[in-house]
Amino acid sequence: MIKLQIENGVVTNVISVDPDSMPVEFADLMTAPEGVGIGDLYDGTTFTKPAPDLSGLAKAIRQDRDYLLASCDWTQTADAPVDQIAWQDYRQALRDIPQQTGFPTDITWPTKPE
């Protein structure tokens, strides 16, 4: 039998106990439904998984974006032999990546001008 310790609405411990020799202090603990584990949230009736922390992914995406922006800075010099408007649009699309609806898990990267 699997029992759960819950503190402040968060599963803090999962304990495997033998129902025939269960210590008294475990008798009042909730029996674990299938798939519930440490870190899951409990509101008094329902268990849910916490939202994933995507801050590391967002930071990595911004670093990739910043690298792409830096690698094409030269296209904005007055004498660059490129279509500067197309490159300006590309660079703005790169800057707008964090505002995309699915950021940071669903990103549409802009296409680099030729």
Protein backbone atom coordinates (compact mmCIF):
# COMPACT_ATOMS: atom_id res chain seq x y z
CA MET A 1 0.00 0.00 0.00
CA ILE A 2 1.27 3.48 -0.85
CA LYS A 3 0.55 6.37 1.54
CA LEU A 4 1.15 10.08 1.00
CA GLN A 5 2.40 12.82 3.27
CA ILE A 6 0.88 16.13 2.21
CA GLU A 7 2.02 19.48 3.59
CA ASN A 8 0.49 22.81 2.54
CA GLY A 9 -1.20 21.19 -0.45
CA VAL A 10 1.97 19.53 -1.78
CA VAL A 11 2.86 15.83 -1.69
CA THR A 12 6.11 15.77 0.30
CA ASN A 13 6.62 12.04 0.74
CA VAL A 14 5.44 8.74 -0.74
CA ILE A 15 5.62 5.85 1.70
CA SER A 16 5.26 2.16 0.91
CA VAL A 17 3.74 0.31 3.85
CA ASP A 18 2.59 -3.24 4.52
CA PRO A 19 -1.14 -2.99 5.37
CA ASP A 20 -0.84 -5.91 7.81
CA SER A 21 1.91 -4.28 9.88
CA MET A 22 1.28 -0.59 9.20
CA PRO A 23 2.52 1.71 11.98
CA VAL A 24 -0.27 3.66 13.68
CA GLU A 25 1.18 7.00 12.53
CA PHE A 26 0.67 5.98 8.88
CA ALA A 27 -2.98 4.98 9.31
CA ASP A 28 -4.18 8.58 8.96
CA LEU A 29 -2.13 9.26 5.82
CA MET A 30 -3.96 9.32 2.50
CA THR A 31 -3.69 6.27 0.26
CA ALA A 32 -2.04 7.27 -2.99
CA PRO A 33 -4.06 7.19 -6.20
CA GLU A 34 -2.27 5.81 -9.25
CA GLY A 35 0.39 8.15 -10.68
CA VAL A 36 0.59 10.58 -7.74
CA GLY A 37 4.09 11.45 -6.59
CA ILE A 38 6.27 13.88 -4.69
CA GLY A 39 5.70 17.47 -5.75
CA ASP A 40 2.14 16.92 -6.95
CA LEU A 41 -0.45 19.41 -5.74
CA TYR A 42 -3.55 18.54 -3.70
CA ASP A 43 -6.45 20.95 -3.17
CA GLY A 44 -8.39 18.75 -0.76
CA THR A 45 -10.18 16.76 -3.46
CA THR A 46 -7.99 16.58 -6.59
CA PHE A 47 -4.33 15.89 -7.33
CA THR A 48 -2.66 17.84 -10.14
CA LYS A 49 0.84 18.02 -11.55
CA PRO A 50 2.59 21.35 -11.00
CA ALA A 51 3.20 23.54 -14.04
CA PRO A 52 6.67 22.90 -15.45
CA ASP A 53 9.33 25.55 -14.87
CA LEU A 54 10.15 26.78 -18.35
CA SER A 55 12.48 29.59 -17.30
CA GLY A 56 15.60 27.66 -18.34
CA LEU A 57 14.14 26.92 -21.76
CA ALA A 58 13.08 30.56 -22.21
CA LYS A 59 16.59 31.71 -21.31
CA ALA A 60 18.15 29.30 -23.83
CA ILE A 61 15.77 30.46 -26.59
CA ARG A 62 16.64 34.10 -25.86
CA GLN A 63 20.37 33.25 -26.02
CA ASP A 64 19.89 31.59 -29.41
CA ARG A 65 17.90 34.60 -30.60
CA ASP A 66 20.57 37.01 -29.32
CA TYR A 67 23.27 35.04 -31.15
CA LEU A 68 21.30 35.24 -34.40
CA LEU A 69 20.80 38.99 -33.94
CA ALA A 70 24.50 39.58 -33.24
CA SER A 71 25.54 37.47 -36.23
CA CYS A 72 23.65 39.76 -38.60
CA ASP A 73 24.45 43.16 -37.07
CA TRP A 74 26.65 43.85 -40.08
CA THR A 75 23.59 43.89 -42.35
CA GLN A 76 22.53 47.20 -40.82
CA THR A 77 25.62 49.19 -41.77
CA ALA A 78 24.99 51.83 -44.40
CA ASP A 79 27.14 50.15 -47.04
CA ALA A 80 26.04 46.52 -46.47
CA PRO A 81 25.34 44.87 -49.86
CA VAL A 82 21.99 43.40 -48.74
CA ASP A 83 18.30 44.20 -48.79
CA GLN A 84 18.33 46.14 -45.54
CA ILE A 85 14.53 46.27 -45.25
CA ALA A 86 14.33 42.46 -45.46
CA TRP A 87 17.04 42.15 -42.81
CA GLN A 88 15.34 44.73 -40.58
CA ASP A 89 12.12 42.71 -40.80
CA TYR A 90 14.02 39.50 -39.97
CA ARG A 91 15.74 41.12 -37.01
CA GLN A 92 12.43 42.49 -35.71
CA ALA A 93 10.86 39.03 -36.01
CA LEU A 94 13.75 37.67 -33.92
CA ARG A 95 13.16 40.34 -31.28
CA ASP A 96 9.45 39.43 -31.22
CA ILE A 97 10.02 35.72 -30.49
CA PRO A 98 9.34 36.06 -26.71
CA GLN A 99 5.95 37.61 -27.51
CA GLN A 100 4.83 34.62 -29.60
CA THR A 101 1.80 32.86 -28.13
CA GLY A 102 3.52 29.49 -27.58
CA PHE A 103 6.81 30.85 -26.24
CA PRO A 104 9.00 29.11 -25.10
CA THR A 105 7.73 25.65 -26.08
CA ASP A 106 6.22 26.41 -29.50
CA ILE A 107 8.25 28.88 -31.54
CA THR A 108 8.16 29.86 -35.17
CA TRP A 109 11.64 31.00 -36.09
CA PRO A 110 11.79 33.62 -38.86
CA THR A 111 13.49 32.78 -42.12
CA LYS A 112 16.78 34.53 -42.75
CA PRO A 113 16.77 36.71 -45.90
CA GLU A 114 18.98 35.62 -48.77
